[in-house]
Amino acid sequence: MGTNYFNLIIKSLPLFCKGCAVTLQVFLMASSLSIILGSILGVFSCNWIKIPILSKAIETITFIARGIPFFVQLLIVYFVIPDFLNFNISPLTASVIALGVCSSGYVAQFIRGSINAIPIAHRESAYVLGYSMTKTLFCIVLPQAFRLALPSMNNELDALLKSTAVISSIGMLELTRIGMNLVSREMEPVPIYLFIAFIYLCMSAVLNIITKNLEKRFCYVKC
């Protein structure tokens, strides 16, 4: 039995690689959107740069992004919005948008909290040295904020990676969907699902190694 399982995995490796490539593609695109959008929302909702009306709007947006389950957001992006606006959207685009927006609500909170945790004396020292507000933000505040937020960001990116399994519900041939198709064809769920779990574990381990190295090295940024 063990030999049969091993042969099945070896025979299916090209399909697993294809599914893994799609999973990584969606993850990288969605995480980029999440970090960029979440950082912007986090900056404009922190105590340092707080515009009353804009901050309230951002709080509402991040609450919605965090309050609605990802699967529901995915269905809204893929089915509801295109139906209202009368256009079609590809499963890849819908997956990236839904994952990125959902995750950005959490990233915004991490960045906002990290910026608020930075002592005000750091900004005041930058002003004394002649730094503009923009240069202070990008050279003094954000590097420290990202370093403080990295442990939480690591958890969020890890959760985002695992959430890619849900996009199989709209027809994306990512790792989990490939596995489901193989189980339907081979009728051998044990080795296939265990191997998929192992692949996700490996990707998660690599992600943790990268973020921990960044956490150690992301101390100073020269401007």
N, C-alpha and C. Protein backbone atom coordinates (compact mmCIF):
# COMPACT_ATOMS: atom_id res chain seq x y z
N MET A 1 0.83 -1.21 0.00
CA MET A 1 0.00 0.00 0.00
C MET A 1 0.87 1.27 0.00
N GLY A 2 1.93 1.26 0.83
CA GLY A 2 2.81 2.41 0.88
C GLY A 2 3.45 2.70 -0.46
N THR A 3 3.84 1.62 -1.17
CA THR A 3 4.45 1.78 -2.49
C THR A 3 3.46 2.36 -3.48
N ASN A 4 2.22 1.91 -3.42
CA ASN A 4 1.18 2.45 -4.31
C ASN A 4 0.95 3.93 -4.05
N TYR A 5 0.92 4.31 -2.76
CA TYR A 5 0.74 5.72 -2.42
C TYR A 5 1.89 6.56 -2.96
N PHE A 6 3.11 6.04 -2.79
CA PHE A 6 4.29 6.78 -3.25
C PHE A 6 4.26 6.94 -4.77
N ASN A 7 3.92 5.89 -5.47
CA ASN A 7 3.86 5.95 -6.94
C ASN A 7 2.79 6.94 -7.41
N LEU A 8 1.67 6.98 -6.68
CA LEU A 8 0.60 7.91 -7.03
C LEU A 8 1.07 9.35 -6.88
N ILE A 9 1.78 9.64 -5.79
CA ILE A 9 2.28 11.00 -5.56
C ILE A 9 3.29 11.38 -6.64
N ILE A 10 4.21 10.47 -6.96
CA ILE A 10 5.22 10.75 -7.99
C ILE A 10 4.55 11.00 -9.34
N LYS A 11 3.56 10.18 -9.66
CA LYS A 11 2.86 10.33 -10.93
C LYS A 11 2.10 11.65 -11.00
N SER A 12 1.63 12.12 -9.86
CA SER A 12 0.81 13.34 -9.83
C SER A 12 1.62 14.61 -9.57
N LEU A 13 2.94 14.50 -9.42
CA LEU A 13 3.77 15.66 -9.10
C LEU A 13 3.62 16.83 -10.07
N PRO A 14 3.55 16.59 -11.39
CA PRO A 14 3.36 17.74 -12.31
C PRO A 14 2.08 18.52 -12.02
N LEU A 15 1.00 17.82 -11.67
CA LEU A 15 -0.25 18.50 -11.35
C LEU A 15 -0.14 19.26 -10.03
N PHE A 16 0.53 18.65 -9.05
CA PHE A 16 0.74 19.34 -7.78
C PHE A 16 1.57 20.61 -7.98
N CYS A 17 2.58 20.52 -8.82
CA CYS A 17 3.43 21.69 -9.10
C CYS A 17 2.63 22.79 -9.77
N LYS A 18 1.76 22.40 -10.68
CA LYS A 18 0.91 23.39 -11.35
C LYS A 18 -0.02 24.07 -10.35
N GLY A 19 -0.65 23.28 -9.48
CA GLY A 19 -1.54 23.86 -8.47
C GLY A 19 -0.79 24.73 -7.49
N CYS A 20 0.42 24.30 -7.12
CA CYS A 20 1.24 25.08 -6.18
C CYS A 20 1.64 26.42 -6.81
N ALA A 21 1.94 26.42 -8.11
CA ALA A 21 2.32 27.65 -8.80
C ALA A 21 1.15 28.65 -8.80
N VAL A 22 -0.06 28.15 -9.03
CA VAL A 22 -1.23 29.03 -9.02
C VAL A 22 -1.47 29.57 -7.61
N THR A 23 -1.33 28.72 -6.62
CA THR A 23 -1.50 29.15 -5.23
C THR A 23 -0.51 30.25 -4.87
N LEU A 24 0.75 30.07 -5.24
CA LEU A 24 1.77 31.07 -4.94
C LEU A 24 1.54 32.36 -5.71
N GLN A 25 1.08 32.24 -6.96
CA GLN A 25 0.79 33.43 -7.75
C GLN A 25 -0.31 34.27 -7.09
N VAL A 26 -1.39 33.62 -6.71
CA VAL A 26 -2.49 34.32 -6.05
C VAL A 26 -2.03 34.91 -4.72
N PHE A 27 -1.26 34.13 -3.96
CA PHE A 27 -0.77 34.60 -2.66
C PHE A 27 0.11 35.84 -2.80
N LEU A 28 1.05 35.81 -3.73
CA LEU A 28 1.97 36.95 -3.90
C LEU A 28 1.23 38.20 -4.35
N MET A 29 0.29 38.04 -5.28
CA MET A 29 -0.47 39.20 -5.76
C MET A 29 -1.39 39.74 -4.67
N ALA A 30 -2.07 38.85 -3.97
CA ALA A 30 -3.00 39.27 -2.93
C ALA A 30 -2.26 39.88 -1.73
N SER A 31 -1.13 39.31 -1.36
CA SER A 31 -0.37 39.85 -0.23
C SER A 31 0.21 41.22 -0.56
N SER A 32 0.62 41.42 -1.82
CA SER A 32 1.10 42.74 -2.24
C SER A 32 -0.01 43.78 -2.13
N LEU A 33 -1.20 43.42 -2.64
CA LEU A 33 -2.35 44.32 -2.53
C LEU A 33 -2.69 44.59 -1.07
N SER A 34 -2.67 43.55 -0.26
CA SER A 34 -3.01 43.69 1.16
C SER A 34 -2.05 44.62 1.88
N ILE A 35 -0.75 44.45 1.65
CA ILE A 35 0.25 45.27 2.35
C ILE A 35 0.18 46.72 1.89
N ILE A 36 0.06 46.93 0.58
CA ILE A 36 0.01 48.31 0.07
C ILE A 36 -1.26 49.02 0.55
N LEU A 37 -2.42 48.39 0.33
CA LEU A 37 -3.68 49.01 0.72
C LEU A 37 -3.78 49.14 2.24
N GLY A 38 -3.39 48.09 2.95
CA GLY A 38 -3.44 48.13 4.42
C GLY A 38 -2.52 49.18 5.00
N SER A 39 -1.34 49.37 4.40
CA SER A 39 -0.41 50.39 4.88
C SER A 39 -0.97 51.79 4.68
N ILE A 40 -1.57 52.03 3.53
CA ILE A 40 -2.18 53.34 3.26
C ILE A 40 -3.30 53.62 4.25
N LEU A 41 -4.17 52.64 4.45
CA LEU A 41 -5.27 52.81 5.39
C LEU A 41 -4.75 52.99 6.82
N GLY A 42 -3.70 52.23 7.17
CA GLY A 42 -3.14 52.34 8.51
C GLY A 42 -2.51 53.69 8.78
N VAL A 43 -1.80 54.23 7.78
CA VAL A 43 -1.15 55.54 7.94
C VAL A 43 -2.18 56.64 8.15
N PHE A 44 -3.24 56.62 7.34
CA PHE A 44 -4.22 57.70 7.40
C PHE A 44 -5.24 57.54 8.53
N SER A 45 -5.11 56.46 9.30
CA SER A 45 -6.00 56.30 10.46
C SER A 45 -5.24 56.37 11.78
N CYS A 46 -3.92 56.59 11.72
CA CYS A 46 -3.14 56.68 12.96
C CYS A 46 -3.37 58.02 13.63
N ASN A 47 -2.93 58.12 14.87
CA ASN A 47 -3.14 59.36 15.63
C ASN A 47 -2.33 60.53 15.09
N TRP A 48 -1.20 60.24 14.46
CA TRP A 48 -0.32 61.28 13.94
C TRP A 48 -0.94 61.98 12.73
N ILE A 49 -1.46 61.20 11.80
CA ILE A 49 -2.09 61.77 10.60
C ILE A 49 -3.56 61.40 10.66
N LYS A 50 -4.32 62.17 11.39
CA LYS A 50 -5.72 61.82 11.58
C LYS A 50 -6.61 62.93 11.05
N ILE A 51 -7.31 62.63 9.95
CA ILE A 51 -8.27 63.56 9.36
C ILE A 51 -9.66 63.05 9.75
N PRO A 52 -10.42 63.81 10.53
CA PRO A 52 -11.66 63.29 11.14
C PRO A 52 -12.57 62.51 10.19
N ILE A 53 -12.99 63.11 9.09
CA ILE A 53 -13.93 62.44 8.18
C ILE A 53 -13.27 61.24 7.51
N LEU A 54 -12.03 61.43 7.03
CA LEU A 54 -11.31 60.34 6.36
C LEU A 54 -11.05 59.18 7.32
N SER A 55 -10.67 59.49 8.54
CA SER A 55 -10.39 58.45 9.52
C SER A 55 -11.63 57.61 9.83
N LYS A 56 -12.78 58.29 9.94
CA LYS A 56 -14.04 57.57 10.18
C LYS A 56 -14.37 56.65 9.00
N ALA A 57 -14.14 57.15 7.79
CA ALA A 57 -14.40 56.34 6.59
C ALA A 57 -13.48 55.12 6.56
N ILE A 58 -12.20 55.32 6.92
CA ILE A 58 -11.25 54.21 6.93
C ILE A 58 -11.62 53.19 8.00
N GLU A 59 -12.04 53.66 9.17
CA GLU A 59 -12.47 52.75 10.23
C GLU A 59 -13.65 51.89 9.76
N THR A 60 -14.57 52.51 9.03
CA THR A 60 -15.71 51.77 8.50
C THR A 60 -15.27 50.72 7.48
N ILE A 61 -14.36 51.13 6.59
CA ILE A 61 -13.87 50.21 5.56
C ILE A 61 -13.16 49.01 6.18
N THR A 62 -12.27 49.28 7.14
CA THR A 62 -11.52 48.19 7.76
C THR A 62 -12.44 47.29 8.60
N PHE A 63 -13.46 47.88 9.21
CA PHE A 63 -14.41 47.07 9.97
C PHE A 63 -15.17 46.12 9.05
N ILE A 64 -15.59 46.63 7.89
CA ILE A 64 -16.30 45.79 6.91
C ILE A 64 -15.38 44.69 6.40
N ALA A 65 -14.13 45.05 6.08
CA ALA A 65 -13.17 44.07 5.57
C ALA A 65 -12.91 42.95 6.57
N ARG A 66 -12.89 43.30 7.86
CA ARG A 66 -12.62 42.31 8.90
C ARG A 66 -13.89 41.58 9.34
N GLY A 67 -15.03 42.24 9.19
CA GLY A 67 -16.27 41.69 9.73
C GLY A 67 -16.97 40.69 8.82
N ILE A 68 -16.75 40.81 7.51
CA ILE A 68 -17.40 39.89 6.57
C ILE A 68 -16.44 38.73 6.29
N PRO A 69 -16.90 37.48 6.42
CA PRO A 69 -16.01 36.34 6.14
C PRO A 69 -15.44 36.39 4.73
N PHE A 70 -14.21 35.88 4.59
CA PHE A 70 -13.55 35.94 3.28
C PHE A 70 -14.36 35.25 2.20
N PHE A 71 -14.95 34.10 2.52
CA PHE A 71 -15.71 33.36 1.51
C PHE A 71 -16.87 34.20 0.98
N VAL A 72 -17.54 34.92 1.86
CA VAL A 72 -18.65 35.79 1.44
C VAL A 72 -18.12 36.93 0.57
N GLN A 73 -16.97 37.51 0.96
CA GLN A 73 -16.39 38.58 0.15
C GLN A 73 -16.01 38.06 -1.24
N LEU A 74 -15.50 36.85 -1.29
CA LEU A 74 -15.14 36.25 -2.58
C LEU A 74 -16.36 36.10 -3.48
N LEU A 75 -17.47 35.64 -2.91
CA LEU A 75 -18.70 35.48 -3.68
C LEU A 75 -19.24 36.83 -4.15
N ILE A 76 -19.13 37.86 -3.30
CA ILE A 76 -19.59 39.20 -3.68
C ILE A 76 -18.76 39.75 -4.83
N VAL A 77 -17.43 39.60 -4.73
CA VAL A 77 -16.55 40.12 -5.78
C VAL A 77 -16.76 39.37 -7.09
N TYR A 78 -16.96 38.06 -7.01
CA TYR A 78 -17.05 37.26 -8.24
C TYR A 78 -18.43 37.24 -8.87
N PHE A 79 -19.49 37.30 -8.03
CA PHE A 79 -20.84 37.18 -8.56
C PHE A 79 -21.64 38.49 -8.47
N VAL A 80 -21.64 39.12 -7.30
CA VAL A 80 -22.55 40.24 -7.05
C VAL A 80 -22.12 41.50 -7.78
N ILE A 81 -20.89 41.95 -7.57
CA ILE A 81 -20.42 43.20 -8.18
C ILE A 81 -20.47 43.14 -9.71
N PRO A 82 -19.97 42.07 -10.36
CA PRO A 82 -20.09 42.01 -11.82
C PRO A 82 -21.53 42.03 -12.31
N ASP A 83 -22.43 41.44 -11.52
CA ASP A 83 -23.84 41.44 -11.92
C ASP A 83 -24.43 42.84 -11.85
N PHE A 84 -24.05 43.60 -10.81
CA PHE A 84 -24.53 44.98 -10.69
C PHE A 84 -23.98 45.87 -11.79
N LEU A 85 -22.69 45.72 -12.07
CA LEU A 85 -22.02 46.60 -13.03
C LEU A 85 -22.02 46.06 -14.45
N ASN A 86 -22.57 44.86 -14.63
CA ASN A 86 -22.74 44.26 -15.95
C ASN A 86 -21.40 44.06 -16.67
N PHE A 87 -20.48 43.37 -16.01
CA PHE A 87 -19.22 43.00 -16.65
C PHE A 87 -18.76 41.68 -16.05
N ASN A 88 -17.84 41.03 -16.74
CA ASN A 88 -17.31 39.75 -16.27
C ASN A 88 -15.95 39.95 -15.61
N ILE A 89 -15.64 39.11 -14.66
CA ILE A 89 -14.36 39.17 -13.97
C ILE A 89 -13.80 37.76 -13.89
N SER A 90 -12.51 37.63 -14.10
CA SER A 90 -11.89 36.30 -14.09
C SER A 90 -11.76 35.80 -12.65
N PRO A 91 -11.75 34.48 -12.47
CA PRO A 91 -11.56 33.93 -11.12
C PRO A 91 -10.27 34.40 -10.47
N LEU A 92 -9.20 34.55 -11.25
CA LEU A 92 -7.93 35.01 -10.69
C LEU A 92 -8.05 36.43 -10.14
N THR A 93 -8.64 37.32 -10.93
CA THR A 93 -8.79 38.71 -10.49
C THR A 93 -9.68 38.79 -9.26
N ALA A 94 -10.79 38.06 -9.28
CA ALA A 94 -11.70 38.07 -8.13
C ALA A 94 -11.01 37.53 -6.88
N SER A 95 -10.21 36.49 -7.03
CA SER A 95 -9.51 35.90 -5.89
C SER A 95 -8.52 36.88 -5.29
N VAL A 96 -7.74 37.54 -6.15
CA VAL A 96 -6.72 38.48 -5.67
C VAL A 96 -7.39 39.66 -4.96
N ILE A 97 -8.44 40.21 -5.57
CA ILE A 97 -9.12 41.36 -4.97
C ILE A 97 -9.74 41.00 -3.63
N ALA A 98 -10.46 39.87 -3.59
CA ALA A 98 -11.14 39.47 -2.35
C ALA A 98 -10.13 39.18 -1.25
N LEU A 99 -9.09 38.43 -1.57
CA LEU A 99 -8.07 38.11 -0.57
C LEU A 99 -7.35 39.37 -0.09
N GLY A 100 -6.97 40.22 -1.06
CA GLY A 100 -6.23 41.44 -0.72
C GLY A 100 -7.03 42.40 0.14
N VAL A 101 -8.28 42.61 -0.23
CA VAL A 101 -9.12 43.55 0.52
C VAL A 101 -9.43 43.01 1.91
N CYS A 102 -9.76 41.74 1.99
CA CYS A 102 -10.07 41.14 3.30
C CYS A 102 -8.86 41.24 4.24
N SER A 103 -7.69 40.91 3.72
CA SER A 103 -6.48 40.94 4.54
C SER A 103 -6.05 42.37 4.88
N SER A 104 -6.32 43.32 3.97
CA SER A 104 -5.88 44.70 4.20
C SER A 104 -6.53 45.31 5.45
N GLY A 105 -7.73 44.85 5.78
CA GLY A 105 -8.39 45.36 6.99
C GLY A 105 -7.59 45.04 8.25
N TYR A 106 -6.97 43.87 8.27
CA TYR A 106 -6.14 43.48 9.42
C TYR A 106 -4.78 44.19 9.37
N VAL A 107 -4.19 44.26 8.18
CA VAL A 107 -2.90 44.93 8.03
C VAL A 107 -3.01 46.39 8.45
N ALA A 108 -4.11 47.05 8.09
CA ALA A 108 -4.31 48.45 8.47
C ALA A 108 -4.27 48.63 9.98
N GLN A 109 -4.87 47.69 10.71
CA GLN A 109 -4.86 47.77 12.17
C GLN A 109 -3.46 47.56 12.73
N PHE A 110 -2.71 46.65 12.12
CA PHE A 110 -1.34 46.40 12.59
C PHE A 110 -0.47 47.66 12.38
N ILE A 111 -0.58 48.26 11.20
CA ILE A 111 0.24 49.44 10.89
C ILE A 111 -0.20 50.62 11.76
N ARG A 112 -1.50 50.83 11.90
CA ARG A 112 -2.00 51.92 12.74
C ARG A 112 -1.50 51.78 14.17
N GLY A 113 -1.62 50.59 14.73
CA GLY A 113 -1.18 50.37 16.10
C GLY A 113 0.33 50.54 16.26
N SER A 114 1.09 50.09 15.25
CA SER A 114 2.55 50.21 15.31
C SER A 114 2.99 51.66 15.24
N ILE A 115 2.35 52.45 14.38
CA ILE A 115 2.69 53.87 14.29
C ILE A 115 2.36 54.58 15.59
N ASN A 116 1.21 54.26 16.16
CA ASN A 116 0.82 54.88 17.43
C ASN A 116 1.77 54.50 18.57
N ALA A 117 2.44 53.35 18.45
CA ALA A 117 3.35 52.89 19.50
C ALA A 117 4.72 53.55 19.44
N ILE A 118 5.02 54.21 18.31
CA ILE A 118 6.33 54.87 18.17
C ILE A 118 6.34 56.15 18.99
N PRO A 119 7.33 56.36 19.84
CA PRO A 119 7.38 57.58 20.67
C PRO A 119 7.36 58.84 19.81
N ILE A 120 6.60 59.83 20.25
CA ILE A 120 6.48 61.08 19.51
C ILE A 120 7.83 61.80 19.41
N ALA A 121 8.75 61.51 20.33
CA ALA A 121 10.07 62.15 20.32
C ALA A 121 10.84 61.81 19.04
N HIS A 122 10.57 60.66 18.44
CA HIS A 122 11.25 60.28 17.20
C HIS A 122 10.86 61.23 16.07
N ARG A 123 9.59 61.56 15.99
CA ARG A 123 9.13 62.48 14.94
C ARG A 123 9.64 63.89 15.22
N GLU A 124 9.61 64.29 16.48
CA GLU A 124 10.07 65.63 16.83
C GLU A 124 11.56 65.79 16.52
N SER A 125 12.33 64.74 16.76
CA SER A 125 13.77 64.80 16.45
C SER A 125 13.98 64.94 14.94
N ALA A 126 13.14 64.25 14.16
CA ALA A 126 13.25 64.35 12.70
C ALA A 126 12.95 65.77 12.24
N TYR A 127 11.93 66.40 12.83
CA TYR A 127 11.60 67.78 12.47
C TYR A 127 12.76 68.72 12.79
N VAL A 128 13.39 68.50 13.95
CA VAL A 128 14.52 69.35 14.35
C VAL A 128 15.67 69.21 13.35
N LEU A 129 15.86 68.01 12.82
CA LEU A 129 16.93 67.77 11.85
C LEU A 129 16.57 68.25 10.45
N GLY A 130 15.37 68.78 10.29
CA GLY A 130 14.98 69.34 9.00
C GLY A 130 14.26 68.38 8.08
N TYR A 131 13.82 67.24 8.58
CA TYR A 131 13.08 66.28 7.76
C TYR A 131 11.68 66.82 7.48
N SER A 132 11.25 66.65 6.27
CA SER A 132 9.86 66.99 5.95
C SER A 132 8.94 65.91 6.51
N MET A 133 7.64 66.16 6.48
CA MET A 133 6.68 65.19 7.00
C MET A 133 6.75 63.90 6.18
N THR A 134 6.87 64.04 4.86
CA THR A 134 6.94 62.86 3.99
C THR A 134 8.19 62.04 4.27
N LYS A 135 9.34 62.74 4.39
CA LYS A 135 10.59 62.03 4.66
C LYS A 135 10.58 61.41 6.04
N THR A 136 9.97 62.07 6.99
CA THR A 136 9.84 61.51 8.34
C THR A 136 9.02 60.22 8.31
N LEU A 137 7.96 60.26 7.53
CA LEU A 137 7.08 59.09 7.42
C LEU A 137 7.83 57.90 6.82
N PHE A 138 8.51 58.13 5.69
CA PHE A 138 9.13 57.02 4.97
C PHE A 138 10.48 56.59 5.55
N CYS A 139 11.19 57.49 6.20
CA CYS A 139 12.52 57.15 6.71
C CYS A 139 12.57 56.86 8.20
N ILE A 140 11.66 57.41 8.95
CA ILE A 140 11.69 57.25 10.41
C ILE A 140 10.52 56.40 10.91
N VAL A 141 9.31 56.77 10.51
CA VAL A 141 8.11 56.15 11.09
C VAL A 141 7.81 54.78 10.51
N LEU A 142 7.67 54.70 9.19
CA LEU A 142 7.26 53.43 8.57
C LEU A 142 8.26 52.29 8.79
N PRO A 143 9.58 52.53 8.69
CA PRO A 143 10.50 51.41 8.98
C PRO A 143 10.30 50.83 10.37
N GLN A 144 10.12 51.71 11.36
CA GLN A 144 9.88 51.22 12.72
C GLN A 144 8.52 50.54 12.84
N ALA A 145 7.53 51.12 12.17
CA ALA A 145 6.18 50.54 12.24
C ALA A 145 6.14 49.15 11.63
N PHE A 146 6.80 48.98 10.48
CA PHE A 146 6.82 47.66 9.84
C PHE A 146 7.56 46.64 10.71
N ARG A 147 8.63 47.08 11.35
CA ARG A 147 9.38 46.17 12.22
C ARG A 147 8.52 45.74 13.40
N LEU A 148 7.79 46.67 13.99
CA LEU A 148 6.92 46.34 15.11
C LEU A 148 5.76 45.44 14.68
N ALA A 149 5.30 45.64 13.43
CA ALA A 149 4.13 44.92 12.95
C ALA A 149 4.47 43.56 12.35
N LEU A 150 5.77 43.28 12.14
CA LEU A 150 6.15 42.05 11.44
C LEU A 150 5.61 40.76 12.07
N PRO A 151 5.67 40.58 13.41
CA PRO A 151 5.13 39.35 13.98
C PRO A 151 3.64 39.16 13.66
N SER A 152 2.87 40.25 13.77
CA SER A 152 1.44 40.17 13.45
C SER A 152 1.23 39.98 11.95
N MET A 153 2.07 40.65 11.15
CA MET A 153 1.97 40.51 9.69
C MET A 153 2.28 39.08 9.27
N ASN A 154 3.22 38.46 9.97
CA ASN A 154 3.57 37.08 9.67
C ASN A 154 2.35 36.17 9.84
N ASN A 155 1.63 36.36 10.94
CA ASN A 155 0.43 35.57 11.19
C ASN A 155 -0.64 35.83 10.13
N GLU A 156 -0.79 37.10 9.74
CA GLU A 156 -1.80 37.45 8.74
C GLU A 156 -1.46 36.86 7.37
N LEU A 157 -0.20 36.96 6.97
CA LEU A 157 0.22 36.40 5.68
C LEU A 157 0.08 34.88 5.68
N ASP A 158 0.36 34.27 6.83
CA ASP A 158 0.19 32.83 6.95
C ASP A 158 -1.28 32.45 6.78
N ALA A 159 -2.17 33.24 7.40
CA ALA A 159 -3.61 32.99 7.26
C ALA A 159 -4.06 33.23 5.81
N LEU A 160 -3.48 34.25 5.17
CA LEU A 160 -3.83 34.54 3.78
C LEU A 160 -3.42 33.38 2.87
N LEU A 161 -2.23 32.83 3.12
CA LEU A 161 -1.77 31.68 2.33
C LEU A 161 -2.75 30.52 2.43
N LYS A 162 -3.21 30.25 3.63
CA LYS A 162 -4.14 29.13 3.81
C LYS A 162 -5.52 29.44 3.23
N SER A 163 -5.88 30.72 3.20
CA SER A 163 -7.19 31.12 2.65
C SER A 163 -7.27 30.90 1.15
N THR A 164 -6.10 30.75 0.50
CA THR A 164 -6.13 30.50 -0.95
C THR A 164 -6.85 29.19 -1.28
N ALA A 165 -6.95 28.30 -0.30
CA ALA A 165 -7.66 27.04 -0.54
C ALA A 165 -9.13 27.27 -0.84
N VAL A 166 -9.68 28.39 -0.34
CA VAL A 166 -11.12 28.67 -0.51
C VAL A 166 -11.45 29.05 -1.95
N ILE A 167 -10.46 29.60 -2.68
CA ILE A 167 -10.76 30.09 -4.05
C ILE A 167 -11.06 28.95 -5.02
N SER A 168 -10.85 27.70 -4.57
CA SER A 168 -11.24 26.57 -5.41
C SER A 168 -12.74 26.56 -5.65
N SER A 169 -13.49 27.25 -4.78
CA SER A 169 -14.95 27.25 -4.88
C SER A 169 -15.45 28.04 -6.09
N ILE A 170 -14.60 28.90 -6.68
CA ILE A 170 -15.02 29.63 -7.89
C ILE A 170 -14.27 29.13 -9.13
N GLY A 171 -13.71 27.94 -9.02
CA GLY A 171 -13.12 27.30 -10.19
C GLY A 171 -11.64 27.51 -10.39
N MET A 172 -10.93 28.10 -9.43
CA MET A 172 -9.49 28.28 -9.56
C MET A 172 -8.79 26.93 -9.38
N LEU A 173 -7.94 26.57 -10.33
CA LEU A 173 -7.22 25.30 -10.24
C LEU A 173 -5.95 25.48 -9.41
N GLU A 174 -6.15 25.80 -8.14
CA GLU A 174 -5.00 25.92 -7.25
C GLU A 174 -4.75 24.57 -6.58
N LEU A 175 -3.90 24.55 -5.60
CA LEU A 175 -3.42 23.29 -5.03
C LEU A 175 -4.55 22.42 -4.49
N THR A 176 -5.47 23.00 -3.74
CA THR A 176 -6.55 22.21 -3.14
C THR A 176 -7.49 21.65 -4.20
N ARG A 177 -7.84 22.46 -5.20
CA ARG A 177 -8.72 22.00 -6.28
C ARG A 177 -8.06 20.89 -7.09
N ILE A 178 -6.76 21.02 -7.34
CA ILE A 178 -6.03 19.95 -8.03
C ILE A 178 -6.14 18.65 -7.23
N GLY A 179 -5.97 18.77 -5.92
CA GLY A 179 -6.08 17.59 -5.07
C GLY A 179 -7.46 16.98 -5.10
N MET A 180 -8.49 17.82 -5.08
CA MET A 180 -9.86 17.31 -5.13
C MET A 180 -10.13 16.60 -6.46
N ASN A 181 -9.63 17.16 -7.55
CA ASN A 181 -9.79 16.52 -8.86
C ASN A 181 -9.07 15.17 -8.91
N LEU A 182 -7.87 15.12 -8.31
CA LEU A 182 -7.12 13.87 -8.29
C LEU A 182 -7.84 12.81 -7.46
N VAL A 183 -8.42 13.22 -6.34
CA VAL A 183 -9.16 12.27 -5.50
C VAL A 183 -10.37 11.72 -6.26
N SER A 184 -11.05 12.58 -7.01
CA SER A 184 -12.20 12.13 -7.80
C SER A 184 -11.77 11.12 -8.87
N ARG A 185 -10.56 11.30 -9.40
CA ARG A 185 -10.09 10.41 -10.46
C ARG A 185 -9.47 9.13 -9.92
N GLU A 186 -8.65 9.26 -8.87
CA GLU A 186 -7.88 8.12 -8.37
C GLU A 186 -8.57 7.39 -7.22
N MET A 187 -9.53 8.07 -6.56
CA MET A 187 -10.22 7.49 -5.41
C MET A 187 -9.25 7.09 -4.29
N GLU A 188 -8.24 7.94 -4.08
CA GLU A 188 -7.25 7.71 -3.03
C GLU A 188 -7.07 9.01 -2.23
N PRO A 189 -8.00 9.32 -1.33
CA PRO A 189 -7.91 10.60 -0.63
C PRO A 189 -6.76 10.70 0.37
N VAL A 190 -6.37 9.58 0.98
CA VAL A 190 -5.38 9.62 2.07
C VAL A 190 -4.04 10.18 1.61
N PRO A 191 -3.37 9.59 0.61
CA PRO A 191 -2.05 10.13 0.23
C PRO A 191 -2.13 11.52 -0.38
N ILE A 192 -3.20 11.78 -1.13
CA ILE A 192 -3.31 13.06 -1.83
C ILE A 192 -3.51 14.21 -0.85
N TYR A 193 -4.46 14.07 0.05
CA TYR A 193 -4.72 15.15 1.00
C TYR A 193 -3.58 15.32 2.00
N LEU A 194 -2.93 14.22 2.38
CA LEU A 194 -1.77 14.33 3.27
C LEU A 194 -0.62 15.04 2.58
N PHE A 195 -0.43 14.77 1.30
CA PHE A 195 0.65 15.43 0.55
C PHE A 195 0.34 16.92 0.37
N ILE A 196 -0.92 17.26 0.14
CA ILE A 196 -1.31 18.67 0.05
C ILE A 196 -1.05 19.38 1.37
N ALA A 197 -1.40 18.73 2.47
CA ALA A 197 -1.14 19.31 3.79
C ALA A 197 0.36 19.54 3.99
N PHE A 198 1.16 18.59 3.52
CA PHE A 198 2.62 18.72 3.64
C PHE A 198 3.14 19.90 2.83
N ILE A 199 2.59 20.11 1.62
CA ILE A 199 3.01 21.24 0.78
C ILE A 199 2.66 22.56 1.45
N TYR A 200 1.45 22.67 1.98
CA TYR A 200 1.06 23.90 2.69
C TYR A 200 1.98 24.13 3.89
N LEU A 201 2.32 23.07 4.60
CA LEU A 201 3.20 23.19 5.76
C LEU A 201 4.58 23.70 5.34
N CYS A 202 5.09 23.21 4.21
CA CYS A 202 6.38 23.66 3.71
C CYS A 202 6.34 25.13 3.31
N MET A 203 5.27 25.54 2.62
CA MET A 203 5.15 26.95 2.22
C MET A 203 5.04 27.85 3.44
N SER A 204 4.30 27.40 4.44
CA SER A 204 4.16 28.17 5.67
C SER A 204 5.50 28.28 6.39
N ALA A 205 6.28 27.21 6.39
CA ALA A 205 7.59 27.23 7.05
C ALA A 205 8.53 28.22 6.36
N VAL A 206 8.53 28.22 5.02
CA VAL A 206 9.37 29.15 4.27
C VAL A 206 8.96 30.59 4.56
N LEU A 207 7.65 30.84 4.60
CA LEU A 207 7.15 32.18 4.90
C LEU A 207 7.59 32.63 6.30
N ASN A 208 7.54 31.73 7.27
CA ASN A 208 7.96 32.06 8.63
C ASN A 208 9.45 32.36 8.70
N ILE A 209 10.25 31.61 7.96
CA ILE A 209 11.70 31.85 7.93
C ILE A 209 12.00 33.23 7.35
N ILE A 210 11.31 33.58 6.25
CA ILE A 210 11.53 34.87 5.61
C ILE A 210 11.18 36.02 6.54
N THR A 211 10.00 35.94 7.17
CA THR A 211 9.56 37.04 8.03
C THR A 211 10.43 37.16 9.28
N LYS A 212 10.91 36.04 9.81
CA LYS A 212 11.77 36.11 10.99
C LYS A 212 13.13 36.72 10.64
N ASN A 213 13.64 36.41 9.45
CA ASN A 213 14.89 37.04 9.01
C ASN A 213 14.69 38.54 8.79
N LEU A 214 13.55 38.90 8.22
CA LEU A 214 13.25 40.33 8.03
C LEU A 214 13.16 41.03 9.38
N GLU A 215 12.55 40.35 10.33
CA GLU A 215 12.39 40.94 11.66
C GLU A 215 13.75 41.22 12.31
N LYS A 216 14.73 40.35 12.05
CA LYS A 216 16.07 40.54 12.62
C LYS A 216 16.84 41.65 11.91
N ARG A 217 16.63 41.75 10.59
CA ARG A 217 17.45 42.69 9.80
C ARG A 217 16.80 44.03 9.58
N PHE A 218 15.50 44.10 9.73
CA PHE A 218 14.78 45.34 9.42
C PHE A 218 14.86 46.28 10.62
N CYS A 219 16.05 46.79 10.88
CA CYS A 219 16.27 47.65 12.05
C CYS A 219 16.48 49.10 11.65
N TYR A 220 17.26 49.34 10.60
CA TYR A 220 17.59 50.69 10.20
C TYR A 220 17.42 50.82 8.70
N VAL A 221 16.94 51.96 8.28
CA VAL A 221 16.81 52.29 6.86
C VAL A 221 17.54 53.59 6.62
N LYS A 222 18.50 53.57 5.73
CA LYS A 222 19.26 54.78 5.43
C LYS A 222 18.54 55.59 4.36
N CYS A 223 18.46 56.88 4.55
CA CYS A 223 17.79 57.76 3.60
C CYS A 223 18.80 58.70 2.98
